[in-house]
C-alpha atoms as a PDB file:
ATOM      1  CA  UNK A   1      -1.809  -5.982 -12.431  1.00  0.00           C
ATOM      2  CA  UNK A   2      -3.608  -5.118  -9.342  1.00  0.00           C
ATOM      3  CA  UNK A   3      -2.139  -2.196  -7.241  1.00  0.00           C
ATOM      4  CA  UNK A   4      -2.910  -1.292  -3.606  1.00  0.00           C
ATOM      5  CA  UNK A   5      -2.584   1.950  -1.843  1.00  0.00           C
ATOM      6  CA  UNK A   6      -3.033   2.511   1.884  1.00  0.00           C
ATOM      7  CA  UNK A   7      -5.470   5.305   2.191  1.00  0.00           C
ATOM      8  CA  UNK A   8      -7.140   7.608   4.794  1.00  0.00           C
ATOM      9  CA  UNK A   9     -10.495   7.727   2.976  1.00  0.00           C
ATOM     10  CA  UNK A  10     -12.667   6.178   0.335  1.00  0.00           C
ATOM     11  CA  UNK A  11     -12.473   8.826  -2.507  1.00  0.00           C
ATOM     12  CA  UNK A  12     -10.688   6.470  -4.992  1.00  0.00           C
ATOM     13  CA  UNK A  13      -8.124   8.286  -7.152  1.00  0.00           C
ATOM     14  CA  UNK A  14      -8.595  11.310  -4.961  1.00  0.00           C
ATOM     15  CA  UNK A  15      -7.936   9.475  -1.718  1.00  0.00           C
ATOM     16  CA  UNK A  16      -5.054  10.678   0.469  1.00  0.00           C
ATOM     17  CA  UNK A  17      -2.315   8.139   1.130  1.00  0.00           C
ATOM     18  CA  UNK A  18      -1.911   7.104   4.694  1.00  0.00           C
ATOM     19  CA  UNK A  19       1.555   7.754   6.227  1.00  0.00           C
ATOM     20  CA  UNK A  20       1.309   4.492   8.171  1.00  0.00           C
ATOM     21  CA  UNK A  21       0.691   1.393   5.922  1.00  0.00           C
ATOM     22  CA  UNK A  22      -0.660  -0.879   8.574  1.00  0.00           C
ATOM     23  CA  UNK A  23      -2.792   1.757  10.244  1.00  0.00           C
ATOM     24  CA  UNK A  24      -4.406   2.855   7.134  1.00  0.00           C
ATOM     25  CA  UNK A  25      -8.253   2.686   7.505  1.00  0.00           C
ATOM     26  CA  UNK A  26      -8.647   1.783   3.929  1.00  0.00           C
ATOM     27  CA  UNK A  27      -6.931   0.386   0.921  1.00  0.00           C
ATOM     28  CA  UNK A  28      -7.566   1.545  -2.436  1.00  0.00           C
ATOM     29  CA  UNK A  29      -7.257  -1.309  -5.104  1.00  0.00           C
ATOM     30  CA  UNK A  30      -6.836  -0.452  -8.756  1.00  0.00           C
ATOM     31  CA  UNK A  31      -6.716  -3.000 -11.523  1.00  0.00           C
ATOM     32  CA  UNK A  32      -4.176  -1.207 -13.674  1.00  0.00           C
ATOM     33  CA  UNK A  33      -5.342  -2.514 -17.177  1.00  0.00           C
ATOM     34  CA  UNK A  34      -8.994  -1.681 -16.616  1.00  0.00           C
ATOM     35  CA  UNK A  35      -8.612   1.093 -14.138  1.00  0.00           C
ATOM     36  CA  UNK A  36     -11.404  -0.584 -12.078  1.00  0.00           C
ATOM     37  CA  UNK A  37     -11.241   0.804  -8.407  1.00  0.00           C
ATOM     38  CA  UNK A  38     -12.322  -1.133  -5.340  1.00  0.00           C
ATOM     39  CA  UNK A  39     -12.051   0.223  -1.633  1.00  0.00           C
ATOM     40  CA  UNK A  40     -11.503  -2.262   1.023  1.00  0.00           C
ATOM     41  CA  UNK A  41     -11.562  -1.747   4.876  1.00  0.00           C
ATOM     42  CA  UNK A  42      -8.363  -2.447   6.619  1.00  0.00           C
ATOM     43  CA  UNK A  43      -9.360  -5.501   8.783  1.00  0.00           C
ATOM     44  CA  UNK A  44      -5.824  -6.403   9.727  1.00  0.00           C
ATOM     45  CA  UNK A  45      -4.451  -6.869  13.171  1.00  0.00           C
ATOM     46  CA  UNK A  46      -4.017  -2.972  13.827  1.00  0.00           C
ATOM     47  CA  UNK A  47      -7.838  -2.871  13.582  1.00  0.00           C
ATOM     48  CA  UNK A  48      -8.765  -5.857  15.529  1.00  0.00           C
ATOM     49  CA  UNK A  49      -8.523  -8.372  12.790  1.00  0.00           C
ATOM     50  CA  UNK A  50      -6.995 -11.816  12.870  1.00  0.00           C
ATOM     51  CA  UNK A  51      -4.318 -11.503  10.364  1.00  0.00           C
ATOM     52  CA  UNK A  52      -1.670  -8.968   8.875  1.00  0.00           C
ATOM     53  CA  UNK A  53      -2.465  -6.356   6.331  1.00  0.00           C
ATOM     54  CA  UNK A  54       0.024  -8.048   3.917  1.00  0.00           C
ATOM     55  CA  UNK A  55      -2.228 -11.234   4.153  1.00  0.00           C
ATOM     56  CA  UNK A  56      -5.357  -9.200   3.457  1.00  0.00           C
ATOM     57  CA  UNK A  57      -3.944  -7.657   0.304  1.00  0.00           C
ATOM     58  CA  UNK A  58      -2.586 -11.044  -0.897  1.00  0.00           C
ATOM     59  CA  UNK A  59      -6.198 -12.317  -0.311  1.00  0.00           C
ATOM     60  CA  UNK A  60      -7.474  -9.700  -2.711  1.00  0.00           C
ATOM     61  CA  UNK A  61      -4.985 -10.523  -5.477  1.00  0.00           C
ATOM     62  CA  UNK A  62      -2.759  -7.671  -5.054  1.00  0.00           C
ATOM     63  CA  UNK A  63       0.524  -7.738  -7.024  1.00  0.00           C
ATOM     64  CA  UNK A  64       1.967  -4.214  -6.188  1.00  0.00           C
ATOM     65  CA  UNK A  65       1.684  -2.049  -3.018  1.00  0.00           C
ATOM     66  CA  UNK A  66       2.523   1.641  -3.428  1.00  0.00           C
ATOM     67  CA  UNK A  67       2.856   3.476  -0.267  1.00  0.00           C
ATOM     68  CA  UNK A  68       4.579   6.402   1.555  1.00  0.00           C
ATOM     69  CA  UNK A  69       6.533   4.131   4.089  1.00  0.00           C
ATOM     70  CA  UNK A  70       6.317   0.812   5.987  1.00  0.00           C
ATOM     71  CA  UNK A  71       8.264  -1.177   8.512  1.00  0.00           C
ATOM     72  CA  UNK A  72      10.965  -3.838   7.913  1.00  0.00           C
ATOM     73  CA  UNK A  73       8.502  -6.623   9.189  1.00  0.00           C
ATOM     74  CA  UNK A  74       5.863  -5.632   6.367  1.00  0.00           C
ATOM     75  CA  UNK A  75       8.612  -5.467   3.738  1.00  0.00           C
ATOM     76  CA  UNK A  76       9.547  -9.012   4.648  1.00  0.00           C
ATOM     77  CA  UNK A  77       5.931 -10.258   4.639  1.00  0.00           C
ATOM     78  CA  UNK A  78       5.153  -8.608   1.392  1.00  0.00           C
ATOM     79  CA  UNK A  79       8.365 -10.206  -0.237  1.00  0.00           C
ATOM     80  CA  UNK A  80       7.241 -13.577   1.158  1.00  0.00           C
ATOM     81  CA  UNK A  81       3.896 -13.123  -0.587  1.00  0.00           C
ATOM     82  CA  UNK A  82       5.440 -12.152  -3.876  1.00  0.00           C
ATOM     83  CA  UNK A  83       4.093  -8.483  -3.787  1.00  0.00           C
ATOM     84  CA  UNK A  84       6.372  -5.901  -5.067  1.00  0.00           C
ATOM     85  CA  UNK A  85       6.565  -2.549  -2.953  1.00  0.00           C
ATOM     86  CA  UNK A  86       7.098   0.841  -4.274  1.00  0.00           C
ATOM     87  CA  UNK A  87       7.713   3.911  -2.260  1.00  0.00           C
ATOM     88  CA  UNK A  88       6.265   7.325  -3.111  1.00  0.00           C
ATOM     89  CA  UNK A  89       6.328  10.742  -1.721  1.00  0.00           C
ATOM     90  CA  UNK A  90       2.982  11.756  -3.432  1.00  0.00           C
ATOM     91  CA  UNK A  91       0.103  12.529  -1.212  1.00  0.00           C
ATOM     92  CA  UNK A  92      -2.848  11.448  -3.431  1.00  0.00           C
ATOM     93  CA  UNK A  93      -3.396   8.135  -5.049  1.00  0.00           C
ATOM     94  CA  UNK A  94      -3.795   9.454  -8.719  1.00  0.00           C
ATOM     95  CA  UNK A  95      -0.352  11.196  -8.357  1.00  0.00           C
ATOM     96  CA  UNK A  96       1.210   8.131  -7.019  1.00  0.00           C
ATOM     97  CA  UNK A  97      -0.350   5.974  -9.735  1.00  0.00           C
ATOM     98  CA  UNK A  98       0.828   8.353 -12.435  1.00  0.00           C
ATOM     99  CA  UNK A  99       4.411   8.086 -10.855  1.00  0.00           C
ATOM    100  CA  UNK A 100       4.232   4.317 -10.929  1.00  0.00           C
ATOM    101  CA  UNK A 101       2.988   4.277 -14.539  1.00  0.00           C
ATOM    102  CA  UNK A 102       5.927   6.482 -15.492  1.00  0.00           C
ATOM    103  CA  UNK A 103       8.338   4.125 -13.559  1.00  0.00           C
ATOM    104  CA  UNK A 104       9.471   6.958 -11.241  1.00  0.00           C
ATOM    105  CA  UNK A 105       8.923   5.114  -7.911  1.00  0.00           C
ATOM    106  CA  UNK A 106      11.676   3.366  -5.938  1.00  0.00           C
ATOM    107  CA  UNK A 107      11.503  -0.329  -4.946  1.00  0.00           C
ATOM    108  CA  UNK A 108      11.328  -0.664  -1.049  1.00  0.00           C
ATOM    109  CA  UNK A 109      13.934  -2.584   0.662  1.00  0.00           C
ATOM    110  CA  UNK A 110      14.378  -3.809   4.338  1.00  0.00           C
ATOM    111  CA  UNK A 111      17.331  -1.660   4.836  1.00  0.00           C
ATOM    112  CA  UNK A 112      15.440   1.548   4.022  1.00  0.00           C
ATOM    113  CA  UNK A 113      12.189   0.641   5.779  1.00  0.00           C
ATOM    114  CA  UNK A 114      10.809   2.523   8.823  1.00  0.00           C
ATOM    115  CA  UNK A 115      12.308   1.334  12.007  1.00  0.00           C
ATOM    116  CA  UNK A 116       9.110   1.947  13.981  1.00  0.00           C
ATOM    117  CA  UNK A 117       9.725   5.434  15.352  1.00  0.00           C
ATOM    118  CA  UNK A 118       6.857   6.862  13.130  1.00  0.00           C
ATOM    119  CA  UNK A 119       8.418  10.355  12.576  1.00  0.00           C
ATOM    120  CA  UNK A 120       7.890  10.373   8.785  1.00  0.00           C
END
């Protein structure tokens, strides 16, 4: 299972989670069975790239996204790509990963998604 976390830096498990999924400068990818960590740059449309962040993560084999918040459009795109989304209130990747492994995170839904006001 490959997990993706939108992050503000490239510090691996110590990275801070970005509050804005699509505008995260990096994504920290973790292979949950082996704990292999890979940091990728966000080259999605918010950063001048030609495709969406969900497409970028799908290209890297992501099965699960763990984030603090994301919009309805992103929820729909991830659902279409077959990528599960979980919402966390944790600030650091290692804490969010631990909560995921303990099955403490809530699945994201379009109804609860950010409406775009970005006041979270």
